[in-house]
Amino acid sequence: MTEEVSLLHSVKSYLQNNIKTNDKILISISCGLDSTVLYDSIIRSKYFNKKKIYYLIFDHQIRPEGKYEIKQFIKIYNLTNKNLFIKKLFLKDKSKGFQEKSRSRRYDFLYKFSKKRDIKHIFLGHHLDDLNETFFLRKTQQSGVAGLSNIFLDKYKSLKLHRPLKKYTKKQIKNYAFSRTLIWFDDRSNLELNYTRNKIRNFLYKKKLFNKINKKRLNYSKIIHLHQLHKNFFKRKRNNMFEIDTDKFNYLNENLKFFVVQSFYYEYRHLLKKQIRDENIKNFIKILKTHLISNKEMSIFSGKIGVFNKKTCINLT
């Protein structure tokens, strides 16, 4: 089976197993290799009515040629229809934390855009190399088990995030593109080493560490039950407020308490402005051991905690 047939069959099988044919979907397009292959494989699957497919292109405005590439991409793939949208991103600082800020802005806009149009399925072009790079990045940041065992969000608020290419390497995706004679535009900023992600990609490539990192990531991915731990102790009441079963929680040993809090914050990390640290978790556990005063809130990592109507609640802000 050729790369082209294998990938196309895999994407079509993914669609059949995860989405209904009459559902609306949104494909996030960068005009680069990955999203071009994603777009092509979904269209070629003939699984959806084209009227149900929306396209969103983000213009980061960091390269002068970006505007030209978007126009060319639209022309090449004949995307001039009412379901195509272009969103310009305005970020003042183009260097410090640019990629993280850009990612946050994209997800926020995707949510607002999709909610307005009753779209619940978002398609992203992430692949196997992306998974391994993110895993390695989190290792360097001393991320906990929850963060290392589940690399990408499956949901963002009410949106379902789909990555049908995540089992394929960059090389396999490129082979598919060549076999289909697809046209895409490489973003030269992906080669600039002033971005952390690019430094990691360059390091893993030079040291030939992708296979080793992939094996470690797969081992962590088997610990999926850790992601559900918090659901036995944290119950969502409304918006960003959660009720905590403190009696049940405080019965656990310290190690289990740590994993429960970690899995809770990881599940709702899209609500956080920064990454939680070990000392934040330990402080959370310490507070839950104390006797909180009714109707009086205490500050805690990314929110407030207090007792209301005899129930201990945390409100993430």
C-alpha atoms as a PDB file:
ATOM      1  CA  MET A   1       0.000   0.000   0.000  1.00  0.00           C
ATOM      2  CA  THR A   2       1.475   3.374  -1.021  1.00  0.00           C
ATOM      3  CA  GLU A   3       1.866   6.299   1.394  1.00  0.00           C
ATOM      4  CA  GLU A   4      -0.889   8.136  -0.449  1.00  0.00           C
ATOM      5  CA  VAL A   5      -3.420   5.288  -0.236  1.00  0.00           C
ATOM      6  CA  SER A   6      -2.517   4.463   3.372  1.00  0.00           C
ATOM      7  CA  LEU A   7      -2.909   8.023   4.638  1.00  0.00           C
ATOM      8  CA  LEU A   8      -6.113   8.649   2.715  1.00  0.00           C
ATOM      9  CA  HIS A   9      -7.621   5.387   3.969  1.00  0.00           C
ATOM     10  CA  SER A  10      -6.598   6.259   7.546  1.00  0.00           C
ATOM     11  CA  VAL A  11      -8.192   9.725   7.408  1.00  0.00           C
ATOM     12  CA  LYS A  12     -11.420   8.378   5.913  1.00  0.00           C
ATOM     13  CA  SER A  13     -11.589   5.669   8.566  1.00  0.00           C
ATOM     14  CA  TYR A  14     -11.033   8.305  11.264  1.00  0.00           C
ATOM     15  CA  LEU A  15     -13.898  10.408   9.924  1.00  0.00           C
ATOM     16  CA  GLN A  16     -16.259   7.431   9.762  1.00  0.00           C
ATOM     17  CA  ASN A  17     -15.479   6.461  13.357  1.00  0.00           C
ATOM     18  CA  ASN A  18     -15.648   9.921  14.919  1.00  0.00           C
ATOM     19  CA  ILE A  19     -18.001  12.250  13.018  1.00  0.00           C
ATOM     20  CA  LYS A  20     -21.378  12.160  11.311  1.00  0.00           C
ATOM     21  CA  THR A  21     -21.511  13.047   7.620  1.00  0.00           C
ATOM     22  CA  ASN A  22     -23.992  15.886   8.201  1.00  0.00           C
ATOM     23  CA  ASP A  23     -21.886  17.572  10.914  1.00  0.00           C
ATOM     24  CA  LYS A  24     -20.285  20.935  10.239  1.00  0.00           C
ATOM     25  CA  ILE A  25     -16.496  20.966  10.473  1.00  0.00           C
ATOM     26  CA  LEU A  26     -13.799  23.627  10.453  1.00  0.00           C
ATOM     27  CA  ILE A  27     -10.345  23.044   8.977  1.00  0.00           C
ATOM     28  CA  SER A  28      -7.624  25.327  10.331  1.00  0.00           C
ATOM     29  CA  ILE A  29      -5.290  26.101   7.423  1.00  0.00           C
ATOM     30  CA  SER A  30      -1.807  27.608   7.584  1.00  0.00           C
ATOM     31  CA  CYS A  31      -1.028  27.139   3.859  1.00  0.00           C
ATOM     32  CA  GLY A  32       1.913  24.962   4.965  1.00  0.00           C
ATOM     33  CA  LEU A  33       2.563  21.286   4.228  1.00  0.00           C
ATOM     34  CA  ASP A  34       0.639  19.728   7.139  1.00  0.00           C
ATOM     35  CA  SER A  35      -2.646  21.618   6.791  1.00  0.00           C
ATOM     36  CA  THR A  36      -2.500  21.286   2.994  1.00  0.00           C
ATOM     37  CA  VAL A  37      -2.330  17.483   3.295  1.00  0.00           C
ATOM     38  CA  LEU A  38      -5.063  17.600   5.940  1.00  0.00           C
ATOM     39  CA  TYR A  39      -7.287  19.648   3.623  1.00  0.00           C
ATOM     40  CA  ASP A  40      -6.576  17.433   0.605  1.00  0.00           C
ATOM     41  CA  SER A  41      -7.217  14.144   2.437  1.00  0.00           C
ATOM     42  CA  ILE A  42     -10.528  15.349   3.907  1.00  0.00           C
ATOM     43  CA  ILE A  43     -11.756  16.648   0.544  1.00  0.00           C
ATOM     44  CA  ARG A  44     -10.678  13.469  -1.258  1.00  0.00           C
ATOM     45  CA  SER A  45     -12.470  11.313   1.320  1.00  0.00           C
ATOM     46  CA  LYS A  46     -15.773  12.738  -0.014  1.00  0.00           C
ATOM     47  CA  TYR A  47     -17.193  12.119   3.421  1.00  0.00           C
ATOM     48  CA  PHE A  48     -18.759  15.555   3.897  1.00  0.00           C
ATOM     49  CA  ASN A  49     -20.953  17.776   1.819  1.00  0.00           C
ATOM     50  CA  LYS A  50     -18.609  20.642   0.869  1.00  0.00           C
ATOM     51  CA  LYS A  51     -21.174  23.130   2.139  1.00  0.00           C
ATOM     52  CA  LYS A  52     -20.602  21.702   5.629  1.00  0.00           C
ATOM     53  CA  ILE A  53     -16.848  22.396   5.524  1.00  0.00           C
ATOM     54  CA  TYR A  54     -15.527  25.742   6.780  1.00  0.00           C
ATOM     55  CA  TYR A  55     -11.975  26.973   6.261  1.00  0.00           C
ATOM     56  CA  LEU A  56     -10.123  29.367   8.521  1.00  0.00           C
ATOM     57  CA  ILE A  57      -6.727  30.816   7.637  1.00  0.00           C
ATOM     58  CA  PHE A  58      -4.751  32.712  10.286  1.00  0.00           C
ATOM     59  CA  ASP A  59      -2.557  35.563   9.045  1.00  0.00           C
ATOM     60  CA  HIS A  60       0.138  36.055  11.704  1.00  0.00           C
ATOM     61  CA  GLN A  61       1.570  39.039   9.831  1.00  0.00           C
ATOM     62  CA  ILE A  62       5.176  38.251  10.747  1.00  0.00           C
ATOM     63  CA  ARG A  63       6.320  37.659   7.155  1.00  0.00           C
ATOM     64  CA  PRO A  64       5.709  40.160   4.319  1.00  0.00           C
ATOM     65  CA  GLU A  65       5.197  37.295   1.853  1.00  0.00           C
ATOM     66  CA  GLY A  66       2.476  35.724   4.030  1.00  0.00           C
ATOM     67  CA  LYS A  67      -0.313  37.767   2.469  1.00  0.00           C
ATOM     68  CA  TYR A  68       0.743  36.722  -1.036  1.00  0.00           C
ATOM     69  CA  GLU A  69       0.935  33.038  -0.026  1.00  0.00           C
ATOM     70  CA  ILE A  70      -2.616  33.111   1.377  1.00  0.00           C
ATOM     71  CA  LYS A  71      -3.963  34.623  -1.861  1.00  0.00           C
ATOM     72  CA  GLN A  72      -2.126  32.043  -3.948  1.00  0.00           C
ATOM     73  CA  PHE A  73      -3.296  29.146  -1.785  1.00  0.00           C
ATOM     74  CA  ILE A  74      -6.924  30.266  -2.079  1.00  0.00           C
ATOM     75  CA  LYS A  75      -6.559  30.528  -5.861  1.00  0.00           C
ATOM     76  CA  ILE A  76      -4.772  27.171  -6.287  1.00  0.00           C
ATOM     77  CA  TYR A  77      -7.367  25.229  -4.295  1.00  0.00           C
ATOM     78  CA  ASN A  78     -10.344  27.310  -5.425  1.00  0.00           C
ATOM     79  CA  LEU A  79     -11.434  28.231  -1.899  1.00  0.00           C
ATOM     80  CA  THR A  80     -13.268  31.374  -2.934  1.00  0.00           C
ATOM     81  CA  ASN A  81     -16.595  30.589  -1.319  1.00  0.00           C
ATOM     82  CA  LYS A  82     -18.701  31.805   1.576  1.00  0.00           C
ATOM     83  CA  ASN A  83     -17.190  29.200   3.935  1.00  0.00           C
ATOM     84  CA  LEU A  84     -13.681  30.661   3.759  1.00  0.00           C
ATOM     85  CA  PHE A  85     -12.483  33.123   6.411  1.00  0.00           C
ATOM     86  CA  ILE A  86      -9.160  34.850   7.073  1.00  0.00           C
ATOM     87  CA  LYS A  87      -8.275  36.076  10.556  1.00  0.00           C
ATOM     88  CA  LYS A  88      -5.459  38.552  11.100  1.00  0.00           C
ATOM     89  CA  LEU A  89      -3.629  38.163  14.403  1.00  0.00           C
ATOM     90  CA  PHE A  90      -2.142  41.265  16.006  1.00  0.00           C
ATOM     91  CA  LEU A  91       0.660  40.535  18.472  1.00  0.00           C
ATOM     92  CA  LYS A  92       2.830  43.418  19.622  1.00  0.00           C
ATOM     93  CA  ASP A  93       5.845  41.333  20.690  1.00  0.00           C
ATOM     94  CA  LYS A  94       7.031  39.130  17.837  1.00  0.00           C
ATOM     95  CA  SER A  95       9.701  37.276  19.825  1.00  0.00           C
ATOM     96  CA  LYS A  96       9.105  36.689  23.543  1.00  0.00           C
ATOM     97  CA  GLY A  97       6.551  33.876  23.949  1.00  0.00           C
ATOM     98  CA  PHE A  98       5.195  34.614  20.474  1.00  0.00           C
ATOM     99  CA  GLN A  99       4.301  31.035  19.582  1.00  0.00           C
ATOM    100  CA  GLU A 100       2.478  30.411  22.876  1.00  0.00           C
ATOM    101  CA  LYS A 101       0.565  33.705  22.679  1.00  0.00           C
ATOM    102  CA  SER A 102      -0.306  33.032  19.056  1.00  0.00           C
ATOM    103  CA  ARG A 103      -1.598  29.544  19.922  1.00  0.00           C
ATOM    104  CA  SER A 104      -3.746  30.953  22.720  1.00  0.00           C
ATOM    105  CA  ARG A 105      -5.221  33.621  20.416  1.00  0.00           C
ATOM    106  CA  ARG A 106      -5.966  31.043  17.737  1.00  0.00           C
ATOM    107  CA  TYR A 107      -7.836  28.729  20.102  1.00  0.00           C
ATOM    108  CA  ASP A 108      -9.804  31.615  21.564  1.00  0.00           C
ATOM    109  CA  PHE A 109     -10.849  32.806  18.106  1.00  0.00           C
ATOM    110  CA  LEU A 110     -11.625  29.259  16.935  1.00  0.00           C
ATOM    111  CA  TYR A 111     -14.012  28.880  19.851  1.00  0.00           C
ATOM    112  CA  LYS A 112     -15.841  32.178  19.258  1.00  0.00           C
ATOM    113  CA  PHE A 113     -15.960  31.649  15.495  1.00  0.00           C
ATOM    114  CA  SER A 114     -17.295  28.080  15.809  1.00  0.00           C
ATOM    115  CA  LYS A 115     -19.843  28.837  18.499  1.00  0.00           C
ATOM    116  CA  LYS A 116     -21.361  31.557  16.328  1.00  0.00           C
ATOM    117  CA  ARG A 117     -21.815  29.089  13.461  1.00  0.00           C
ATOM    118  CA  ASP A 118     -22.728  26.012  15.493  1.00  0.00           C
ATOM    119  CA  ILE A 119     -19.533  24.156  14.533  1.00  0.00           C
ATOM    120  CA  LYS A 120     -18.329  21.580  17.058  1.00  0.00           C
ATOM    121  CA  HIS A 121     -15.506  19.835  15.170  1.00  0.00           C
ATOM    122  CA  ILE A 122     -12.132  21.482  14.524  1.00  0.00           C
ATOM    123  CA  PHE A 123      -9.499  19.813  12.349  1.00  0.00           C
ATOM    124  CA  LEU A 124      -5.818  20.534  12.954  1.00  0.00           C
ATOM    125  CA  GLY A 125      -2.768  19.387  10.983  1.00  0.00           C
ATOM    126  CA  HIS A 126      -0.605  18.145  13.866  1.00  0.00           C
ATOM    127  CA  HIS A 127       1.437  15.033  13.128  1.00  0.00           C
ATOM    128  CA  LEU A 128       3.703  12.538  14.932  1.00  0.00           C
ATOM    129  CA  ASP A 129       6.747  14.822  14.940  1.00  0.00           C
ATOM    130  CA  ASP A 130       4.654  17.529  16.639  1.00  0.00           C
ATOM    131  CA  LEU A 131       3.630  15.058  19.346  1.00  0.00           C
ATOM    132  CA  ASN A 132       7.228  14.098  20.066  1.00  0.00           C
ATOM    133  CA  GLU A 133       8.475  17.687  20.040  1.00  0.00           C
ATOM    134  CA  THR A 134       5.803  18.732  22.534  1.00  0.00           C
ATOM    135  CA  PHE A 135       6.567  15.721  24.739  1.00  0.00           C
ATOM    136  CA  PHE A 136      10.282  16.633  24.783  1.00  0.00           C
ATOM    137  CA  LEU A 137       9.454  20.288  25.475  1.00  0.00           C
ATOM    138  CA  ARG A 138       7.357  19.300  28.491  1.00  0.00           C
ATOM    139  CA  LYS A 139      10.123  17.016  29.737  1.00  0.00           C
ATOM    140  CA  THR A 140      12.524  19.975  29.699  1.00  0.00           C
ATOM    141  CA  GLN A 141       9.920  22.018  31.587  1.00  0.00           C
ATOM    142  CA  GLN A 142       9.656  19.224  34.195  1.00  0.00           C
ATOM    143  CA  SER A 143       5.997  18.613  33.422  1.00  0.00           C
ATOM    144  CA  GLY A 144       4.152  16.085  35.583  1.00  0.00           C
ATOM    145  CA  VAL A 145       2.774  12.694  34.572  1.00  0.00           C
ATOM    146  CA  ALA A 146      -0.585  14.189  33.568  1.00  0.00           C
ATOM    147  CA  GLY A 147       1.113  16.551  31.133  1.00  0.00           C
ATOM    148  CA  LEU A 148       3.410  13.879  29.693  1.00  0.00           C
ATOM    149  CA  SER A 149       0.776  11.186  29.274  1.00  0.00           C
ATOM    150  CA  ASN A 150      -1.653  13.279  27.227  1.00  0.00           C
ATOM    151  CA  ILE A 151       0.109  15.676  24.884  1.00  0.00           C
ATOM    152  CA  PHE A 152      -2.713  17.327  22.954  1.00  0.00           C
ATOM    153  CA  LEU A 153      -6.118  18.531  24.075  1.00  0.00           C
ATOM    154  CA  ASP A 154      -8.999  16.502  22.661  1.00  0.00           C
ATOM    155  CA  LYS A 155     -11.404  19.278  23.592  1.00  0.00           C
ATOM    156  CA  TYR A 156     -11.256  23.038  23.963  1.00  0.00           C
ATOM    157  CA  LYS A 157     -14.288  24.196  25.925  1.00  0.00           C
ATOM    158  CA  SER A 158     -17.211  22.775  23.878  1.00  0.00           C
ATOM    159  CA  LEU A 159     -15.114  22.112  20.756  1.00  0.00           C
ATOM    160  CA  LYS A 160     -13.848  18.689  19.725  1.00  0.00           C
ATOM    161  CA  LEU A 161     -10.314  18.848  18.339  1.00  0.00           C
ATOM    162  CA  HIS A 162      -9.389  16.327  15.631  1.00  0.00           C
ATOM    163  CA  ARG A 163      -5.874  15.442  14.463  1.00  0.00           C
ATOM    164  CA  PRO A 164      -6.229  12.577  11.964  1.00  0.00           C
ATOM    165  CA  LEU A 165      -2.577  12.921  10.854  1.00  0.00           C
ATOM    166  CA  LYS A 166      -1.017  12.428  14.287  1.00  0.00           C
ATOM    167  CA  LYS A 167       0.130   8.857  13.576  1.00  0.00           C
ATOM    168  CA  TYR A 168       2.122  10.001  10.518  1.00  0.00           C
ATOM    169  CA  THR A 169       5.614  11.510  10.511  1.00  0.00           C
ATOM    170  CA  LYS A 170       6.533  14.696   8.695  1.00  0.00           C
ATOM    171  CA  LYS A 171       8.388  12.588   6.119  1.00  0.00           C
ATOM    172  CA  GLN A 172       5.321  10.436   5.427  1.00  0.00           C
ATOM    173  CA  ILE A 173       3.138  13.512   5.068  1.00  0.00           C
ATOM    174  CA  LYS A 174       5.617  15.035   2.644  1.00  0.00           C
ATOM    175  CA  ASN A 175       5.654  11.812   0.597  1.00  0.00           C
ATOM    176  CA  TYR A 176       1.867  12.003   0.346  1.00  0.00           C
ATOM    177  CA  ALA A 177       2.090  15.623  -0.809  1.00  0.00           C
ATOM    178  CA  PHE A 178       4.693  14.761  -3.455  1.00  0.00           C
ATOM    179  CA  SER A 179       2.641  11.833  -4.758  1.00  0.00           C
ATOM    180  CA  ARG A 180      -0.357  14.162  -5.089  1.00  0.00           C
ATOM    181  CA  THR A 181       1.785  16.991  -6.521  1.00  0.00           C
ATOM    182  CA  LEU A 182       0.296  19.323  -3.915  1.00  0.00           C
ATOM    183  CA  ILE A 183       1.431  22.926  -3.622  1.00  0.00           C
ATOM    184  CA  TRP A 184       2.103  24.476  -0.228  1.00  0.00           C
ATOM    185  CA  PHE A 185       4.140  27.325   1.238  1.00  0.00           C
ATOM    186  CA  ASP A 186       6.924  26.732   3.765  1.00  0.00           C
ATOM    187  CA  ASP A 187       7.044  29.225   6.613  1.00  0.00           C
ATOM    188  CA  ARG A 188      10.672  30.360   6.866  1.00  0.00           C
ATOM    189  CA  SER A 189      10.105  31.408  10.497  1.00  0.00           C
ATOM    190  CA  ASN A 190       9.976  27.664  11.332  1.00  0.00           C
ATOM    191  CA  LEU A 191      13.731  27.608  10.702  1.00  0.00           C
ATOM    192  CA  GLU A 192      14.549  30.569  12.953  1.00  0.00           C
ATOM    193  CA  LEU A 193      16.185  29.377  16.176  1.00  0.00           C
ATOM    194  CA  ASN A 194      14.956  32.270  18.329  1.00  0.00           C
ATOM    195  CA  TYR A 195      11.786  30.201  18.933  1.00  0.00           C
ATOM    196  CA  THR A 196      11.981  27.427  21.556  1.00  0.00           C
ATOM    197  CA  ARG A 197       9.939  25.006  19.466  1.00  0.00           C
ATOM    198  CA  ASN A 198      12.309  25.426  16.517  1.00  0.00           C
ATOM    199  CA  LYS A 199      15.367  24.877  18.725  1.00  0.00           C
ATOM    200  CA  ILE A 200      13.873  21.596  19.978  1.00  0.00           C
ATOM    201  CA  ARG A 201      12.998  20.448  16.462  1.00  0.00           C
ATOM    202  CA  ASN A 202      16.515  21.215  15.287  1.00  0.00           C
ATOM    203  CA  PHE A 203      18.079  19.457  18.297  1.00  0.00           C
ATOM    204  CA  LEU A 204      15.987  16.276  17.932  1.00  0.00           C
ATOM    205  CA  TYR A 205      16.694  16.140  14.219  1.00  0.00           C
ATOM    206  CA  LYS A 206      20.470  16.585  14.577  1.00  0.00           C
ATOM    207  CA  LYS A 207      20.756  14.061  17.416  1.00  0.00           C
ATOM    208  CA  LYS A 208      18.385  11.603  15.679  1.00  0.00           C
ATOM    209  CA  LEU A 209      16.309  11.291  18.852  1.00  0.00           C
ATOM    210  CA  PHE A 210      12.800  11.065  17.426  1.00  0.00           C
ATOM    211  CA  ASN A 211      12.502   7.274  17.770  1.00  0.00           C
ATOM    212  CA  LYS A 212      13.787   7.327  21.336  1.00  0.00           C
ATOM    213  CA  ILE A 213      11.454  10.168  22.337  1.00  0.00           C
ATOM    214  CA  ASN A 214       8.532   8.462  20.611  1.00  0.00           C
ATOM    215  CA  LYS A 215       9.045   5.269  22.666  1.00  0.00           C
ATOM    216  CA  LYS A 216       9.077   7.256  25.911  1.00  0.00           C
ATOM    217  CA  ARG A 217       5.957   9.173  24.890  1.00  0.00           C
ATOM    218  CA  LEU A 218       4.117   5.948  24.062  1.00  0.00           C
ATOM    219  CA  ASN A 219       4.952   4.550  27.504  1.00  0.00           C
ATOM    220  CA  TYR A 220       3.466   7.627  29.166  1.00  0.00           C
ATOM    221  CA  SER A 221       0.403   7.566  26.923  1.00  0.00           C
ATOM    222  CA  LYS A 222      -0.605   4.223  28.467  1.00  0.00           C
ATOM    223  CA  ILE A 223      -1.233   5.915  31.832  1.00  0.00           C
ATOM    224  CA  ILE A 224      -4.544   7.345  30.612  1.00  0.00           C
ATOM    225  CA  HIS A 225      -6.462   6.614  33.835  1.00  0.00           C
ATOM    226  CA  LEU A 226      -4.584   9.439  35.565  1.00  0.00           C
ATOM    227  CA  HIS A 227      -6.509  11.994  33.516  1.00  0.00           C
ATOM    228  CA  GLN A 228      -9.794  10.865  35.039  1.00  0.00           C
ATOM    229  CA  LEU A 229      -8.687  10.907  38.697  1.00  0.00           C
ATOM    230  CA  HIS A 230     -10.026  14.378  39.466  1.00  0.00           C
ATOM    231  CA  LYS A 231     -13.552  13.465  38.350  1.00  0.00           C
ATOM    232  CA  ASN A 232     -14.023  11.475  41.561  1.00  0.00           C
ATOM    233  CA  PHE A 233     -13.407  14.612  43.649  1.00  0.00           C
ATOM    234  CA  PHE A 234     -14.160  17.692  41.498  1.00  0.00           C
ATOM    235  CA  LYS A 235     -17.649  18.303  40.142  1.00  0.00           C
ATOM    236  CA  ARG A 236     -18.315  21.144  37.727  1.00  0.00           C
ATOM    237  CA  LYS A 237     -21.192  23.323  38.926  1.00  0.00           C
ATOM    238  CA  ARG A 238     -21.226  26.133  36.376  1.00  0.00           C
ATOM    239  CA  ASN A 239     -18.804  27.933  34.075  1.00  0.00           C
ATOM    240  CA  ASN A 240     -15.430  27.822  35.864  1.00  0.00           C
ATOM    241  CA  MET A 241     -16.725  26.825  39.319  1.00  0.00           C
ATOM    242  CA  PHE A 242     -16.143  23.318  40.716  1.00  0.00           C
ATOM    243  CA  GLU A 243     -17.342  21.680  43.914  1.00  0.00           C
ATOM    244  CA  ILE A 244     -14.725  19.636  45.805  1.00  0.00           C
ATOM    245  CA  ASP A 245     -15.524  16.578  47.928  1.00  0.00           C
ATOM    246  CA  THR A 246     -12.983  17.447  50.634  1.00  0.00           C
ATOM    247  CA  ASP A 247     -13.816  14.521  52.927  1.00  0.00           C
ATOM    248  CA  LYS A 248     -13.175  12.061  50.144  1.00  0.00           C
ATOM    249  CA  PHE A 249     -10.116  13.971  48.922  1.00  0.00           C
ATOM    250  CA  ASN A 250      -8.446  14.254  52.334  1.00  0.00           C
ATOM    251  CA  TYR A 251      -8.784  10.506  52.836  1.00  0.00           C
ATOM    252  CA  LEU A 252      -6.170   9.964  50.085  1.00  0.00           C
ATOM    253  CA  ASN A 253      -2.441   9.704  50.742  1.00  0.00           C
ATOM    254  CA  GLU A 254      -0.238  12.657  49.740  1.00  0.00           C
ATOM    255  CA  ASN A 255       0.930  11.145  46.451  1.00  0.00           C
ATOM    256  CA  LEU A 256      -2.593  10.459  45.231  1.00  0.00           C
ATOM    257  CA  LYS A 257      -3.717  13.940  46.295  1.00  0.00           C
ATOM    258  CA  PHE A 258      -0.935  15.377  44.165  1.00  0.00           C
ATOM    259  CA  PHE A 259      -1.998  13.397  41.076  1.00  0.00           C
ATOM    260  CA  VAL A 260      -5.673  14.323  41.575  1.00  0.00           C
ATOM    261  CA  VAL A 261      -4.954  18.076  41.711  1.00  0.00           C
ATOM    262  CA  GLN A 262      -2.496  17.812  38.841  1.00  0.00           C
ATOM    263  CA  SER A 263      -5.024  15.988  36.635  1.00  0.00           C
ATOM    264  CA  PHE A 264      -7.695  18.582  37.501  1.00  0.00           C
ATOM    265  CA  TYR A 265      -5.553  21.534  36.468  1.00  0.00           C
ATOM    266  CA  TYR A 266      -4.343  19.709  33.387  1.00  0.00           C
ATOM    267  CA  GLU A 267      -7.907  18.956  32.255  1.00  0.00           C
ATOM    268  CA  TYR A 268      -8.784  22.659  32.449  1.00  0.00           C
ATOM    269  CA  ARG A 269      -5.425  24.075  31.386  1.00  0.00           C
ATOM    270  CA  HIS A 270      -7.102  26.080  28.609  1.00  0.00           C
ATOM    271  CA  LEU A 271      -8.533  28.282  31.393  1.00  0.00           C
ATOM    272  CA  LEU A 272      -5.109  28.993  32.891  1.00  0.00           C
ATOM    273  CA  LYS A 273      -2.823  31.872  32.010  1.00  0.00           C
ATOM    274  CA  LYS A 274       0.330  29.986  33.030  1.00  0.00           C
ATOM    275  CA  GLN A 275       1.492  26.488  33.852  1.00  0.00           C
ATOM    276  CA  ILE A 276       0.905  25.134  37.370  1.00  0.00           C
ATOM    277  CA  ARG A 277       3.986  24.253  39.428  1.00  0.00           C
ATOM    278  CA  ASP A 278       4.564  21.628  42.099  1.00  0.00           C
ATOM    279  CA  GLU A 279       4.541  24.236  44.874  1.00  0.00           C
ATOM    280  CA  ASN A 280       1.099  25.442  43.688  1.00  0.00           C
ATOM    281  CA  ILE A 281      -0.271  21.913  43.977  1.00  0.00           C
ATOM    282  CA  LYS A 282       1.234  21.401  47.435  1.00  0.00           C
ATOM    283  CA  ASN A 283      -0.282  24.684  48.600  1.00  0.00           C
ATOM    284  CA  PHE A 284      -3.682  23.612  47.228  1.00  0.00           C
ATOM    285  CA  ILE A 285      -3.467  20.338  49.188  1.00  0.00           C
ATOM    286  CA  LYS A 286      -2.456  22.200  52.350  1.00  0.00           C
ATOM    287  CA  ILE A 287      -5.452  24.561  52.085  1.00  0.00           C
ATOM    288  CA  LEU A 288      -7.878  21.651  51.661  1.00  0.00           C
ATOM    289  CA  LYS A 289      -6.610  20.221  54.950  1.00  0.00           C
ATOM    290  CA  THR A 290      -7.592  23.396  56.828  1.00  0.00           C
ATOM    291  CA  HIS A 291     -11.024  24.421  58.048  1.00  0.00           C
ATOM    292  CA  LEU A 292     -12.154  27.056  55.552  1.00  0.00           C
ATOM    293  CA  ILE A 293     -14.461  29.809  56.838  1.00  0.00           C
ATOM    294  CA  SER A 294     -17.905  29.941  55.216  1.00  0.00           C
ATOM    295  CA  ASN A 295     -18.476  32.667  52.597  1.00  0.00           C
ATOM    296  CA  LYS A 296     -14.835  33.749  52.756  1.00  0.00           C
ATOM    297  CA  GLU A 297     -12.604  33.156  49.746  1.00  0.00           C
ATOM    298  CA  MET A 298      -8.869  32.445  49.675  1.00  0.00           C
ATOM    299  CA  SER A 299      -6.593  33.016  46.729  1.00  0.00           C
ATOM    300  CA  ILE A 300      -5.205  29.908  45.119  1.00  0.00           C
ATOM    301  CA  PHE A 301      -3.381  29.204  41.865  1.00  0.00           C
ATOM    302  CA  SER A 302      -5.421  30.744  39.042  1.00  0.00           C
ATOM    303  CA  GLY A 303      -8.505  31.341  41.135  1.00  0.00           C
ATOM    304  CA  LYS A 304     -10.292  31.453  44.491  1.00  0.00           C
ATOM    305  CA  ILE A 305     -11.394  28.751  46.921  1.00  0.00           C
ATOM    306  CA  GLY A 306     -14.051  28.962  49.628  1.00  0.00           C
ATOM    307  CA  VAL A 307     -17.044  27.357  51.361  1.00  0.00           C
ATOM    308  CA  PHE A 308     -20.518  28.257  50.120  1.00  0.00           C
ATOM    309  CA  ASN A 309     -23.680  26.569  51.421  1.00  0.00           C
ATOM    310  CA  LYS A 310     -21.435  24.095  53.270  1.00  0.00           C
ATOM    311  CA  LYS A 311     -19.771  23.077  49.997  1.00  0.00           C
ATOM    312  CA  THR A 312     -16.092  23.685  49.238  1.00  0.00           C
ATOM    313  CA  CYS A 313     -15.742  25.258  45.790  1.00  0.00           C
ATOM    314  CA  ILE A 314     -12.938  26.487  43.569  1.00  0.00           C
ATOM    315  CA  ASN A 315     -13.502  29.150  40.951  1.00  0.00           C
ATOM    316  CA  LEU A 316     -10.884  29.296  38.210  1.00  0.00           C
ATOM    317  CA  THR A 317     -10.346  32.823  36.918  1.00  0.00           C
END
